[in-house]
C-alpha atoms as a PDB file:
ATOM      1  CA  MET A   1       0.000   0.000   0.000  1.00  0.00           C
ATOM      2  CA  LYS A   2       1.267   3.494  -0.863  1.00  0.00           C
ATOM      3  CA  VAL A   3       0.123   7.094  -0.424  1.00  0.00           C
ATOM      4  CA  LYS A   4       0.622  10.295  -2.396  1.00  0.00           C
ATOM      5  CA  CYS A   5      -0.237  13.684  -0.908  1.00  0.00           C
ATOM      6  CA  PHE A   6      -1.393  16.713  -2.872  1.00  0.00           C
ATOM      7  CA  ASP A   7      -1.669  20.313  -1.647  1.00  0.00           C
ATOM      8  CA  GLU A   8      -3.022  23.270  -3.652  1.00  0.00           C
ATOM      9  CA  ASN A   9      -4.415  26.752  -3.063  1.00  0.00           C
ATOM     10  CA  HIS A  10      -7.420  26.215  -5.351  1.00  0.00           C
ATOM     11  CA  GLU A  11      -9.736  23.213  -5.553  1.00  0.00           C
ATOM     12  CA  LYS A  12      -9.606  23.094  -9.376  1.00  0.00           C
ATOM     13  CA  ASP A  13      -5.796  22.824  -9.241  1.00  0.00           C
ATOM     14  CA  LEU A  14      -6.128  19.950  -6.769  1.00  0.00           C
ATOM     15  CA  GLU A  15      -8.609  18.174  -9.035  1.00  0.00           C
ATOM     16  CA  LEU A  16      -6.279  18.533 -12.009  1.00  0.00           C
ATOM     17  CA  LYS A  17      -3.245  17.182 -10.117  1.00  0.00           C
ATOM     18  CA  ILE A  18      -5.153  14.170  -8.752  1.00  0.00           C
ATOM     19  CA  ASN A  19      -6.831  13.364 -12.077  1.00  0.00           C
ATOM     20  CA  THR A  20      -3.492  13.604 -13.891  1.00  0.00           C
ATOM     21  CA  PHE A  21      -1.892  11.268 -11.344  1.00  0.00           C
ATOM     22  CA  LEU A  22      -4.729   8.736 -11.653  1.00  0.00           C
ATOM     23  CA  ILE A  23      -4.541   8.735 -15.467  1.00  0.00           C
ATOM     24  CA  GLN A  24      -0.752   8.531 -15.751  1.00  0.00           C
ATOM     25  CA  GLU A  25      -0.034   5.902 -13.100  1.00  0.00           C
ATOM     26  CA  ASN A  26      -0.797   2.195 -13.317  1.00  0.00           C
ATOM     27  CA  ILE A  27      -2.461   1.833  -9.906  1.00  0.00           C
ATOM     28  CA  ASP A  28      -5.406   0.334  -8.062  1.00  0.00           C
ATOM     29  CA  LEU A  29      -7.056   3.220  -6.223  1.00  0.00           C
ATOM     30  CA  LEU A  30      -8.067   2.300  -2.672  1.00  0.00           C
ATOM     31  CA  ASP A  31      -9.246   5.612  -1.174  1.00  0.00           C
ATOM     32  CA  ILE A  32      -8.908   9.392  -1.261  1.00  0.00           C
ATOM     33  CA  LYS A  33      -8.937  11.500   1.916  1.00  0.00           C
ATOM     34  CA  TYR A  34      -9.801  15.180   1.361  1.00  0.00           C
ATOM     35  CA  GLN A  35      -9.339  18.202   3.622  1.00  0.00           C
ATOM     36  CA  VAL A  36      -9.791  21.983   3.467  1.00  0.00           C
ATOM     37  CA  ALA A  37      -8.073  24.428   5.804  1.00  0.00           C
ATOM     38  CA  ILE A  38      -8.857  28.145   6.012  1.00  0.00           C
ATOM     39  CA  ALA A  39      -6.712  30.785   7.673  1.00  0.00           C
ATOM     40  CA  MET A  40      -6.942  34.560   7.984  1.00  0.00           C
ATOM     41  CA  GLN A  41      -4.021  36.836   7.143  1.00  0.00           C
ATOM     42  CA  GLY A  42      -5.110  40.382   7.783  1.00  0.00           C
ATOM     43  CA  GLU A  43      -8.377  40.679   5.885  1.00  0.00           C
ATOM     44  CA  ASP A  44      -7.482  37.931   3.404  1.00  0.00           C
ATOM     45  CA  GLN A  45      -8.719  34.362   3.627  1.00  0.00           C
ATOM     46  CA  ILE A  46      -6.162  31.722   2.679  1.00  0.00           C
ATOM     47  CA  TYR A  47      -7.420  28.318   1.577  1.00  0.00           C
ATOM     48  CA  CYS A  48      -5.465  25.087   1.484  1.00  0.00           C
ATOM     49  CA  PHE A  49      -7.034  22.153  -0.348  1.00  0.00           C
ATOM     50  CA  SER A  50      -5.290  18.844   0.262  1.00  0.00           C
ATOM     51  CA  ALA A  51      -5.844  15.184  -0.460  1.00  0.00           C
ATOM     52  CA  MET A  52      -4.129  11.915   0.248  1.00  0.00           C
ATOM     53  CA  VAL A  53      -4.487   9.215  -2.392  1.00  0.00           C
ATOM     54  CA  ILE A  54      -4.152   5.676  -1.050  1.00  0.00           C
ATOM     55  CA  TYR A  55      -3.287   3.120  -3.704  1.00  0.00           C
ATOM     56  CA  ARG A  56      -1.490  -0.061  -4.712  1.00  0.00           C
ATOM     57  CA  ASP A  57       0.717  -0.598  -7.724  1.00  0.00           C
ATOM     58  CA  LYS A  58      -0.908  -2.895 -10.256  1.00  0.00           C
ATOM     59  CA  GLU A  59       0.942  -6.148 -10.663  1.00  0.00           C
END
């Protein structure tokens, strides 16, 4: 079993990175864990979209 972590500032960027990984790699997808964190810096909101892909290499 293996994991790959992704971290982006925009959810569309995260989707693109994960979809690209899933298409390019020869894997059996087991699960995806998703998380959003929000922080304030002054009056700005900062978002962090992250996901952990849990997979196995295909044999």
